[in-house]
C-alpha atoms as a PDB file:
ATOM      1  CA  MET A   1      11.558  -4.815   0.602  1.00  0.00           C
ATOM      2  CA  THR A   2       9.192  -5.659   3.455  1.00  0.00           C
ATOM      3  CA  VAL A   3       6.549  -3.279   4.694  1.00  0.00           C
ATOM      4  CA  ALA A   4       4.974  -3.765   8.096  1.00  0.00           C
ATOM      5  CA  THR A   5       2.097  -1.578   9.118  1.00  0.00           C
ATOM      6  CA  ARG A   6      -0.902  -1.211  11.115  1.00  0.00           C
ATOM      7  CA  ALA A   7      -3.337   1.302   9.632  1.00  0.00           C
ATOM      8  CA  ARG A   8      -6.850   1.874   8.329  1.00  0.00           C
ATOM      9  CA  PHE A   9      -7.132   0.840   4.692  1.00  0.00           C
ATOM     10  CA  GLY A  10      -9.908   2.131   2.474  1.00  0.00           C
ATOM     11  CA  PHE A  11     -10.663   0.997  -0.959  1.00  0.00           C
ATOM     12  CA  THR A  12     -12.159   2.006  -4.216  1.00  0.00           C
ATOM     13  CA  ALA A  13     -13.415  -1.018  -6.111  1.00  0.00           C
ATOM     14  CA  ALA A  14     -15.903  -2.220  -8.668  1.00  0.00           C
ATOM     15  CA  PRO A  15     -19.600  -1.460  -7.941  1.00  0.00           C
ATOM     16  CA  GLY A  16     -21.261  -3.858  -5.586  1.00  0.00           C
ATOM     17  CA  THR A  17     -18.131  -4.468  -3.479  1.00  0.00           C
ATOM     18  CA  THR A  18     -17.440  -3.104  -0.027  1.00  0.00           C
ATOM     19  CA  ASP A  19     -15.177  -0.012   0.402  1.00  0.00           C
ATOM     20  CA  ASP A  20     -15.499   0.319   4.140  1.00  0.00           C
ATOM     21  CA  ALA A  21     -12.123   1.239   5.624  1.00  0.00           C
ATOM     22  CA  ARG A  22     -10.839  -1.307   8.103  1.00  0.00           C
ATOM     23  CA  ILE A  23      -7.893  -1.462  10.383  1.00  0.00           C
ATOM     24  CA  ARG A  24      -5.393  -4.078   9.322  1.00  0.00           C
ATOM     25  CA  GLN A  25      -2.052  -5.198  10.529  1.00  0.00           C
ATOM     26  CA  ILE A  26      -0.011  -6.274   7.506  1.00  0.00           C
ATOM     27  CA  THR A  27       3.580  -7.390   7.045  1.00  0.00           C
ATOM     28  CA  GLN A  28       4.123  -7.920   3.344  1.00  0.00           C
ATOM     29  CA  HIS A  29       7.080  -8.492   0.958  1.00  0.00           C
ATOM     30  CA  ILE A  30       6.922  -6.005  -1.953  1.00  0.00           C
ATOM     31  CA  HIS A  31       8.148  -7.128  -5.340  1.00  0.00           C
ATOM     32  CA  PRO A  32      11.183  -5.044  -6.551  1.00  0.00           C
ATOM     33  CA  ASP A  33       9.091  -3.648  -9.417  1.00  0.00           C
ATOM     34  CA  HIS A  34       6.991  -1.808  -6.820  1.00  0.00           C
ATOM     35  CA  THR A  35       9.735  -0.762  -4.426  1.00  0.00           C
ATOM     36  CA  ALA A  36      11.404   1.702  -6.865  1.00  0.00           C
ATOM     37  CA  PRO A  37       8.731   4.463  -6.507  1.00  0.00           C
ATOM     38  CA  LEU A  38       9.047   4.323  -2.755  1.00  0.00           C
ATOM     39  CA  ILE A  39      12.860   4.383  -2.726  1.00  0.00           C
ATOM     40  CA  ASN A  40      12.896   7.178  -5.279  1.00  0.00           C
ATOM     41  CA  ALA A  41      10.336   9.242  -3.337  1.00  0.00           C
ATOM     42  CA  TYR A  42      12.389   8.946  -0.171  1.00  0.00           C
ATOM     43  CA  ALA A  43      15.707   9.614  -1.931  1.00  0.00           C
ATOM     44  CA  THR A  44      14.425  12.773  -3.470  1.00  0.00           C
ATOM     45  CA  GLY A  45      12.886  14.059  -0.232  1.00  0.00           C
ATOM     46  CA  ALA A  46       9.323  13.746  -1.275  1.00  0.00           C
ATOM     47  CA  GLY A  47       6.665  14.584   1.195  1.00  0.00           C
ATOM     48  CA  GLU A  48       4.487  12.332   3.314  1.00  0.00           C
ATOM     49  CA  THR A  49       1.717  12.312   0.723  1.00  0.00           C
ATOM     50  CA  ALA A  50       4.033  10.979  -1.988  1.00  0.00           C
ATOM     51  CA  LEU A  51       5.604   8.393   0.301  1.00  0.00           C
ATOM     52  CA  ARG A  52       2.111   7.207   1.478  1.00  0.00           C
ATOM     53  CA  GLN A  53       0.999   6.929  -2.126  1.00  0.00           C
ATOM     54  CA  ALA A  54       4.044   4.720  -3.003  1.00  0.00           C
ATOM     55  CA  VAL A  55       3.310   2.417  -0.059  1.00  0.00           C
ATOM     56  CA  GLU A  56      -0.384   2.270  -1.102  1.00  0.00           C
ATOM     57  CA  GLN A  57       0.640   1.153  -4.551  1.00  0.00           C
ATOM     58  CA  GLY A  58       3.075  -1.452  -3.346  1.00  0.00           C
ATOM     59  CA  LEU A  59       0.755  -2.942  -0.758  1.00  0.00           C
ATOM     60  CA  GLY A  60      -2.168  -2.641  -3.171  1.00  0.00           C
ATOM     61  CA  HIS A  61      -0.367  -4.691  -5.795  1.00  0.00           C
ATOM     62  CA  ALA A  62       1.235  -7.339  -3.408  1.00  0.00           C
ATOM     63  CA  TYR A  63      -1.298  -7.832  -0.732  1.00  0.00           C
ATOM     64  CA  PHE A  64      -4.751  -6.688  -1.903  1.00  0.00           C
ATOM     65  CA  ARG A  65      -4.326  -7.623  -5.598  1.00  0.00           C
ATOM     66  CA  ASP A  66      -2.279 -10.603  -4.922  1.00  0.00           C
ATOM     67  CA  GLY A  67       0.513  -9.788  -7.205  1.00  0.00           C
ATOM     68  CA  GLY A  68      -1.958  -8.889  -9.984  1.00  0.00           C
ATOM     69  CA  ARG A  69      -3.983 -12.153  -9.738  1.00  0.00           C
ATOM     70  CA  ARG A  70      -7.143 -10.699  -8.478  1.00  0.00           C
ATOM     71  CA  ALA A  71      -9.068  -7.452  -7.804  1.00  0.00           C
ATOM     72  CA  HIS A  72      -7.463  -5.714 -10.728  1.00  0.00           C
ATOM     73  CA  ASP A  73      -9.418  -2.470 -10.374  1.00  0.00           C
ATOM     74  CA  LEU A  74      -9.053  -2.173  -6.596  1.00  0.00           C
ATOM     75  CA  GLU A  75      -7.365   1.085  -5.432  1.00  0.00           C
ATOM     76  CA  VAL A  76      -6.026   1.185  -1.858  1.00  0.00           C
ATOM     77  CA  GLU A  77      -6.063   4.191   0.458  1.00  0.00           C
ATOM     78  CA  LEU A  78      -3.840   4.112   3.614  1.00  0.00           C
ATOM     79  CA  GLN A  79      -5.274   6.187   6.507  1.00  0.00           C
ATOM     80  CA  ASP A  80      -4.783   6.527  10.254  1.00  0.00           C
ATOM     81  CA  ILE A  81      -1.352   5.043  10.328  1.00  0.00           C
ATOM     82  CA  ASP A  82      -0.551   3.522  13.704  1.00  0.00           C
ATOM     83  CA  TYR A  83       2.904   2.519  12.608  1.00  0.00           C
ATOM     84  CA  LEU A  84       4.900   1.842   9.387  1.00  0.00           C
ATOM     85  CA  ASP A  85       8.221   0.074   9.113  1.00  0.00           C
ATOM     86  CA  VAL A  86      10.017  -0.447   5.835  1.00  0.00           C
ATOM     87  CA  ASN A  87      12.983  -2.839   5.689  1.00  0.00           C
ATOM     88  CA  LEU A  88      15.164  -3.318   2.631  1.00  0.00           C
END
């Protein structure tokens, strides 16, 4: 799955790091392990909040935590979505 978005991303991270929300344009492949929650949420008719959280988790792992190689405690919050495109 590939997610393309332009949105404001906020962060919760370790003390001493920045958590200022910034607008980013991201196109990122999401590992299949992290696509299942998004597909399941969509298939079951989940609301916008649940879908957004699934995207936050997938992008958080793939893009911001580099597949689990860094920023292990970083939590991502997606805000002010300009566009969001998901391709399987």
